[in-house]
Amino acid sequence: MDMSKSMEEKIIRYDPEADILVIKIAEGHLHDEVLLDNDVVIQFDKDGKIIGIEVWDASKRGLKEISRLLE
């Protein structure tokens, strides 16, 4: 596995207006999403591979600080 390529595909960003932390895991088009009971959304491509994760109310969980570390 080419680690440099997989690291380039991963993106973490924080949307302050929506208070959502978005973690992009892989390239792909969103096909389906599953909302877990803890306000976490898992995003899937058409093959069922996870391509992203959203964490809602990120500031209440202390997670928006993660995006600041990457700036």
PDB file of N, CA and C in Angstrom:
ATOM      1  N   MET A   1       0.839  -1.188   0.000  1.00  0.00           N
ATOM      2  CA  MET A   1       0.000   0.000   0.000  1.00  0.00           C
ATOM      3  C   MET A   1       0.875   1.239   0.000  1.00  0.00           C
ATOM      4  N   ASP A   2       0.572   2.162  -0.872  1.00  0.00           N
ATOM      5  CA  ASP A   2       1.324   3.404  -0.982  1.00  0.00           C
ATOM      6  C   ASP A   2       0.844   4.375   0.095  1.00  0.00           C
ATOM      7  N   MET A   3       1.605   4.503   1.188  1.00  0.00           N
ATOM      8  CA  MET A   3       1.204   5.333   2.319  1.00  0.00           C
ATOM      9  C   MET A   3       1.129   6.809   1.954  1.00  0.00           C
ATOM     10  N   SER A   4       1.999   7.291   1.066  1.00  0.00           N
ATOM     11  CA  SER A   4       1.962   8.705   0.717  1.00  0.00           C
ATOM     12  C   SER A   4       0.655   9.053   0.032  1.00  0.00           C
ATOM     13  N   LYS A   5       0.154   8.175  -0.806  1.00  0.00           N
ATOM     14  CA  LYS A   5      -1.105   8.441  -1.479  1.00  0.00           C
ATOM     15  C   LYS A   5      -2.260   8.411  -0.484  1.00  0.00           C
ATOM     16  N   SER A   6      -2.280   7.433   0.408  1.00  0.00           N
ATOM     17  CA  SER A   6      -3.390   7.342   1.340  1.00  0.00           C
ATOM     18  C   SER A   6      -3.398   8.527   2.299  1.00  0.00           C
ATOM     19  N   MET A   7      -2.255   9.064   2.663  1.00  0.00           N
ATOM     20  CA  MET A   7      -2.213  10.217   3.543  1.00  0.00           C
ATOM     21  C   MET A   7      -2.707  11.471   2.834  1.00  0.00           C
ATOM     22  N   GLU A   8      -2.433  11.603   1.511  1.00  0.00           N
ATOM     23  CA  GLU A   8      -2.894  12.754   0.755  1.00  0.00           C
ATOM     24  C   GLU A   8      -4.412  12.776   0.663  1.00  0.00           C
ATOM     25  N   GLU A   9      -5.043  11.611   0.626  1.00  0.00           N
ATOM     26  CA  GLU A   9      -6.484  11.523   0.485  1.00  0.00           C
ATOM     27  C   GLU A   9      -7.215  11.896   1.762  1.00  0.00           C
ATOM     28  N   LYS A  10      -6.580  11.786   2.896  1.00  0.00           N
ATOM     29  CA  LYS A  10      -7.235  12.039   4.166  1.00  0.00           C
ATOM     30  C   LYS A  10      -7.223  13.533   4.466  1.00  0.00           C
ATOM     31  N   ILE A  11      -8.409  14.061   4.719  1.00  0.00           N
ATOM     32  CA  ILE A  11      -8.549  15.480   5.011  1.00  0.00           C
ATOM     33  C   ILE A  11      -9.453  15.628   6.227  1.00  0.00           C
ATOM     34  N   ILE A  12      -9.036  16.487   7.146  1.00  0.00           N
ATOM     35  CA  ILE A  12      -9.863  16.790   8.303  1.00  0.00           C
ATOM     36  C   ILE A  12     -10.147  18.284   8.278  1.00  0.00           C
ATOM     37  N   ARG A  13     -11.430  18.640   8.386  1.00  0.00           N
ATOM     38  CA  ARG A  13     -11.772  20.059   8.431  1.00  0.00           C
ATOM     39  C   ARG A  13     -12.939  20.274   9.381  1.00  0.00           C
ATOM     40  N   TYR A  14     -13.047  21.492   9.852  1.00  0.00           N
ATOM     41  CA  TYR A  14     -14.099  21.851  10.783  1.00  0.00           C
ATOM     42  C   TYR A  14     -14.933  22.967  10.189  1.00  0.00           C
ATOM     43  N   ASP A  15     -16.249  22.814  10.211  1.00  0.00           N
ATOM     44  CA  ASP A  15     -17.184  23.832   9.745  1.00  0.00           C
ATOM     45  C   ASP A  15     -17.776  24.503  10.984  1.00  0.00           C
ATOM     46  N   PRO A  16     -17.327  25.723  11.307  1.00  0.00           N
ATOM     47  CA  PRO A  16     -17.790  26.367  12.533  1.00  0.00           C
ATOM     48  C   PRO A  16     -19.267  26.747  12.510  1.00  0.00           C
ATOM     49  N   GLU A  17     -19.806  27.089  11.351  1.00  0.00           N
ATOM     50  CA  GLU A  17     -21.227  27.453  11.273  1.00  0.00           C
ATOM     51  C   GLU A  17     -22.125  26.266  11.578  1.00  0.00           C
ATOM     52  N   ALA A  18     -21.769  25.097  11.062  1.00  0.00           N
ATOM     53  CA  ALA A  18     -22.568  23.889  11.292  1.00  0.00           C
ATOM     54  C   ALA A  18     -22.095  23.126  12.528  1.00  0.00           C
ATOM     55  N   ASP A  19     -20.915  23.474  13.041  1.00  0.00           N
ATOM     56  CA  ASP A  19     -20.282  22.782  14.167  1.00  0.00           C
ATOM     57  C   ASP A  19     -20.110  21.293  13.871  1.00  0.00           C
ATOM     58  N   ILE A  20     -19.549  21.039  12.676  1.00  0.00           N
ATOM     59  CA  ILE A  20     -19.333  19.662  12.223  1.00  0.00           C
ATOM     60  C   ILE A  20     -17.859  19.472  11.886  1.00  0.00           C
ATOM     61  N   LEU A  21     -17.290  18.402  12.417  1.00  0.00           N
ATOM     62  CA  LEU A  21     -15.937  17.978  12.061  1.00  0.00           C
ATOM     63  C   LEU A  21     -16.076  16.925  10.973  1.00  0.00           C
ATOM     64  N   VAL A  22     -15.430  17.165   9.840  1.00  0.00           N
ATOM     65  CA  VAL A  22     -15.512  16.253   8.697  1.00  0.00           C
ATOM     66  C   VAL A  22     -14.161  15.586   8.506  1.00  0.00           C
ATOM     67  N   ILE A  23     -14.175  14.273   8.429  1.00  0.00           N
ATOM     68  CA  ILE A  23     -12.962  13.498   8.192  1.00  0.00           C
ATOM     69  C   ILE A  23     -13.150  12.743   6.885  1.00  0.00           C
ATOM     70  N   LYS A  24     -12.420  13.164   5.867  1.00  0.00           N
ATOM     71  CA  LYS A  24     -12.476  12.489   4.575  1.00  0.00           C
ATOM     72  C   LYS A  24     -11.434  11.383   4.601  1.00  0.00           C
ATOM     73  N   ILE A  25     -11.873  10.158   4.392  1.00  0.00           N
ATOM     74  CA  ILE A  25     -10.978   9.010   4.499  1.00  0.00           C
ATOM     75  C   ILE A  25     -10.464   8.560   3.140  1.00  0.00           C
ATOM     76  N   ALA A  26     -11.314   8.644   2.115  1.00  0.00           N
ATOM     77  CA  ALA A  26     -10.921   8.170   0.787  1.00  0.00           C
ATOM     78  C   ALA A  26     -11.683   8.929  -0.281  1.00  0.00           C
ATOM     79  N   GLU A  27     -11.147   8.897  -1.487  1.00  0.00           N
ATOM     80  CA  GLU A  27     -11.828   9.480  -2.636  1.00  0.00           C
ATOM     81  C   GLU A  27     -13.048   8.634  -2.961  1.00  0.00           C
ATOM     82  N   GLY A  28     -14.052   9.256  -3.515  1.00  0.00           N
ATOM     83  CA  GLY A  28     -15.240   8.530  -3.936  1.00  0.00           C
ATOM     84  C   GLY A  28     -16.458   9.420  -3.861  1.00  0.00           C
ATOM     85  N   HIS A  29     -17.488   8.972  -4.529  1.00  0.00           N
ATOM     86  CA  HIS A  29     -18.744   9.709  -4.537  1.00  0.00           C
ATOM     87  C   HIS A  29     -19.658   9.160  -3.461  1.00  0.00           C
ATOM     88  N   LEU A  30     -20.269  10.069  -2.737  1.00  0.00           N
ATOM     89  CA  LEU A  30     -21.186   9.676  -1.672  1.00  0.00           C
ATOM     90  C   LEU A  30     -22.386   8.939  -2.259  1.00  0.00           C
ATOM     91  N   HIS A  31     -22.631   7.759  -1.748  1.00  0.00           N
ATOM     92  CA  HIS A  31     -23.765   6.951  -2.193  1.00  0.00           C
ATOM     93  C   HIS A  31     -24.791   6.770  -1.077  1.00  0.00           C
ATOM     94  N   ASP A  32     -24.304   6.644   0.158  1.00  0.00           N
ATOM     95  CA  ASP A  32     -25.197   6.398   1.286  1.00  0.00           C
ATOM     96  C   ASP A  32     -24.559   6.938   2.560  1.00  0.00           C
ATOM     97  N   GLU A  33     -25.415   7.253   3.530  1.00  0.00           N
ATOM     98  CA  GLU A  33     -24.955   7.716   4.831  1.00  0.00           C
ATOM     99  C   GLU A  33     -25.740   6.997   5.910  1.00  0.00           C
ATOM    100  N   VAL A  34     -25.082   6.784   7.047  1.00  0.00           N
ATOM    101  CA  VAL A  34     -25.752   6.178   8.192  1.00  0.00           C
ATOM    102  C   VAL A  34     -25.510   7.093   9.384  1.00  0.00           C
ATOM    103  N   LEU A  35     -26.600   7.527  10.014  1.00  0.00           N
ATOM    104  CA  LEU A  35     -26.514   8.345  11.214  1.00  0.00           C
ATOM    105  C   LEU A  35     -26.525   7.433  12.422  1.00  0.00           C
ATOM    106  N   LEU A  36     -25.435   7.452  13.179  1.00  0.00           N
ATOM    107  CA  LEU A  36     -25.370   6.671  14.405  1.00  0.00           C
ATOM    108  C   LEU A  36     -26.078   7.441  15.517  1.00  0.00           C
ATOM    109  N   ASP A  37     -26.411   6.788  16.593  1.00  0.00           N
ATOM    110  CA  ASP A  37     -27.176   7.427  17.654  1.00  0.00           C
ATOM    111  C   ASP A  37     -26.396   8.473  18.443  1.00  0.00           C
ATOM    112  N   ASN A  38     -25.127   8.632  18.171  1.00  0.00           N
ATOM    113  CA  ASN A  38     -24.317   9.616  18.887  1.00  0.00           C
ATOM    114  C   ASN A  38     -23.935  10.804  18.006  1.00  0.00           C
ATOM    115  N   ASP A  39     -24.774  11.117  17.009  1.00  0.00           N
ATOM    116  CA  ASP A  39     -24.545  12.235  16.085  1.00  0.00           C
ATOM    117  C   ASP A  39     -23.252  12.113  15.295  1.00  0.00           C
ATOM    118  N   VAL A  40     -22.950  10.901  14.898  1.00  0.00           N
ATOM    119  CA  VAL A  40     -21.842  10.626  13.999  1.00  0.00           C
ATOM    120  C   VAL A  40     -22.433  10.042  12.730  1.00  0.00           C
ATOM    121  N   VAL A  41     -22.028  10.580  11.590  1.00  0.00           N
ATOM    122  CA  VAL A  41     -22.518  10.115  10.296  1.00  0.00           C
ATOM    123  C   VAL A  41     -21.376   9.416   9.572  1.00  0.00           C
ATOM    124  N   ILE A  42     -21.628   8.197   9.131  1.00  0.00           N
ATOM    125  CA  ILE A  42     -20.654   7.439   8.351  1.00  0.00           C
ATOM    126  C   ILE A  42     -21.097   7.516   6.891  1.00  0.00           C
ATOM    127  N   GLN A  43     -20.185   7.901   6.002  1.00  0.00           N
ATOM    128  CA  GLN A  43     -20.491   8.052   4.580  1.00  0.00           C
ATOM    129  C   GLN A  43     -19.863   6.908   3.795  1.00  0.00           C
ATOM    130  N   PHE A  44     -20.632   6.379   2.850  1.00  0.00           N
ATOM    131  CA  PHE A  44     -20.196   5.235   2.055  1.00  0.00           C
ATOM    132  C   PHE A  44     -20.248   5.546   0.569  1.00  0.00           C
ATOM    133  N   ASP A  45     -19.356   4.894  -0.193  1.00  0.00           N
ATOM    134  CA  ASP A  45     -19.431   4.966  -1.651  1.00  0.00           C
ATOM    135  C   ASP A  45     -20.357   3.859  -2.159  1.00  0.00           C
ATOM    136  N   LYS A  46     -20.470   3.717  -3.463  1.00  0.00           N
ATOM    137  CA  LYS A  46     -21.402   2.729  -4.027  1.00  0.00           C
ATOM    138  C   LYS A  46     -20.988   1.288  -3.739  1.00  0.00           C
ATOM    139  N   ASP A  47     -19.722   1.077  -3.396  1.00  0.00           N
ATOM    140  CA  ASP A  47     -19.236  -0.273  -3.089  1.00  0.00           C
ATOM    141  C   ASP A  47     -19.321  -0.593  -1.595  1.00  0.00           C
ATOM    142  N   GLY A  48     -19.837   0.358  -0.807  1.00  0.00           N
ATOM    143  CA  GLY A  48     -19.964   0.136   0.623  1.00  0.00           C
ATOM    144  C   GLY A  48     -18.707   0.459   1.423  1.00  0.00           C
ATOM    145  N   LYS A  49     -17.714   1.063   0.781  1.00  0.00           N
ATOM    146  CA  LYS A  49     -16.491   1.466   1.480  1.00  0.00           C
ATOM    147  C   LYS A  49     -16.730   2.800   2.184  1.00  0.00           C
ATOM    148  N   ILE A  50     -16.183   2.933   3.380  1.00  0.00           N
ATOM    149  CA  ILE A  50     -16.303   4.193   4.103  1.00  0.00           C
ATOM    150  C   ILE A  50     -15.407   5.234   3.444  1.00  0.00           C
ATOM    151  N   ILE A  51     -16.004   6.373   3.088  1.00  0.00           N
ATOM    152  CA  ILE A  51     -15.229   7.448   2.473  1.00  0.00           C
ATOM    153  C   ILE A  51     -15.153   8.680   3.370  1.00  0.00           C
ATOM    154  N   GLY A  52     -15.994   8.734   4.399  1.00  0.00           N
ATOM    155  CA  GLY A  52     -15.958   9.898   5.273  1.00  0.00           C
ATOM    156  C   GLY A  52     -16.735   9.694   6.556  1.00  0.00           C
ATOM    157  N   ILE A  53     -16.431  10.566   7.496  1.00  0.00           N
ATOM    158  CA  ILE A  53     -17.099  10.561   8.792  1.00  0.00           C
ATOM    159  C   ILE A  53     -17.380  12.011   9.150  1.00  0.00           C
ATOM    160  N   GLU A  54     -18.590  12.272   9.622  1.00  0.00           N
ATOM    161  CA  GLU A  54     -18.942  13.589  10.137  1.00  0.00           C
ATOM    162  C   GLU A  54     -19.274  13.445  11.609  1.00  0.00           C
ATOM    163  N   VAL A  55     -18.775  14.378  12.404  1.00  0.00           N
ATOM    164  CA  VAL A  55     -19.110  14.405  13.827  1.00  0.00           C
ATOM    165  C   VAL A  55     -19.847  15.720  14.080  1.00  0.00           C
ATOM    166  N   TRP A  56     -21.136  15.612  14.391  1.00  0.00           N
ATOM    167  CA  TRP A  56     -21.955  16.792  14.654  1.00  0.00           C
ATOM    168  C   TRP A  56     -21.715  17.274  16.075  1.00  0.00           C
ATOM    169  N   ASP A  57     -21.949  18.554  16.315  1.00  0.00           N
ATOM    170  CA  ASP A  57     -21.719  19.179  17.624  1.00  0.00           C
ATOM    171  C   ASP A  57     -20.286  18.953  18.095  1.00  0.00           C
ATOM    172  N   ALA A  58     -19.362  19.135  17.181  1.00  0.00           N
ATOM    173  CA  ALA A  58     -17.949  18.856  17.464  1.00  0.00           C
ATOM    174  C   ALA A  58     -17.393  19.707  18.599  1.00  0.00           C
ATOM    175  N   SER A  59     -17.819  20.966  18.692  1.00  0.00           N
ATOM    176  CA  SER A  59     -17.275  21.826  19.746  1.00  0.00           C
ATOM    177  C   SER A  59     -17.679  21.331  21.131  1.00  0.00           C
ATOM    178  N   LYS A  60     -18.852  20.738  21.239  1.00  0.00           N
ATOM    179  CA  LYS A  60     -19.308  20.206  22.524  1.00  0.00           C
ATOM    180  C   LYS A  60     -18.521  18.965  22.926  1.00  0.00           C
ATOM    181  N   ARG A  61     -17.867  18.345  21.960  1.00  0.00           N
ATOM    182  CA  ARG A  61     -17.075  17.142  22.219  1.00  0.00           C
ATOM    183  C   ARG A  61     -15.582  17.431  22.299  1.00  0.00           C
ATOM    184  N   GLY A  62     -15.210  18.700  22.109  1.00  0.00           N
ATOM    185  CA  GLY A  62     -13.800  19.072  22.149  1.00  0.00           C
ATOM    186  C   GLY A  62     -13.041  18.690  20.896  1.00  0.00           C
ATOM    187  N   LEU A  63     -13.753  18.360  19.815  1.00  0.00           N
ATOM    188  CA  LEU A  63     -13.089  17.859  18.611  1.00  0.00           C
ATOM    189  C   LEU A  63     -12.674  18.936  17.623  1.00  0.00           C
ATOM    190  N   LYS A  64     -13.209  20.140  17.732  1.00  0.00           N
ATOM    191  CA  LYS A  64     -12.804  21.157  16.767  1.00  0.00           C
ATOM    192  C   LYS A  64     -11.330  21.500  16.913  1.00  0.00           C
ATOM    193  N   GLU A  65     -10.747  21.197  18.068  1.00  0.00           N
ATOM    194  CA  GLU A  65      -9.318  21.446  18.286  1.00  0.00           C
ATOM    195  C   GLU A  65      -8.456  20.596  17.346  1.00  0.00           C
ATOM    196  N   ILE A  66      -8.959  19.459  16.916  1.00  0.00           N
ATOM    197  CA  ILE A  66      -8.213  18.603  15.991  1.00  0.00           C
ATOM    198  C   ILE A  66      -7.905  19.357  14.706  1.00  0.00           C
ATOM    199  N   SER A  67      -8.901  20.062  14.161  1.00  0.00           N
ATOM    200  CA  SER A  67      -8.684  20.781  12.909  1.00  0.00           C
ATOM    201  C   SER A  67      -7.661  21.901  13.081  1.00  0.00           C
ATOM    202  N   ARG A  68      -7.588  22.519  14.242  1.00  0.00           N
ATOM    203  CA  ARG A  68      -6.593  23.563  14.480  1.00  0.00           C
ATOM    204  C   ARG A  68      -5.176  23.017  14.481  1.00  0.00           C
ATOM    205  N   LEU A  69      -4.997  21.798  14.886  1.00  0.00           N
ATOM    206  CA  LEU A  69      -3.666  21.195  14.890  1.00  0.00           C
ATOM    207  C   LEU A  69      -3.115  21.002  13.485  1.00  0.00           C
ATOM    208  N   LEU A  70      -3.996  20.933  12.500  1.00  0.00           N
ATOM    209  CA  LEU A  70      -3.583  20.676  11.122  1.00  0.00           C
ATOM    210  C   LEU A  70      -3.324  21.961  10.338  1.00  0.00           C
ATOM    211  N   GLU A  71      -3.622  23.113  10.904  1.00  0.00           N
ATOM    212  CA  GLU A  71      -3.440  24.380  10.181  1.00  0.00           C
ATOM    213  C   GLU A  71      -1.986  24.760  10.087  1.00  0.00           C
TER     214      GLU A  71
END
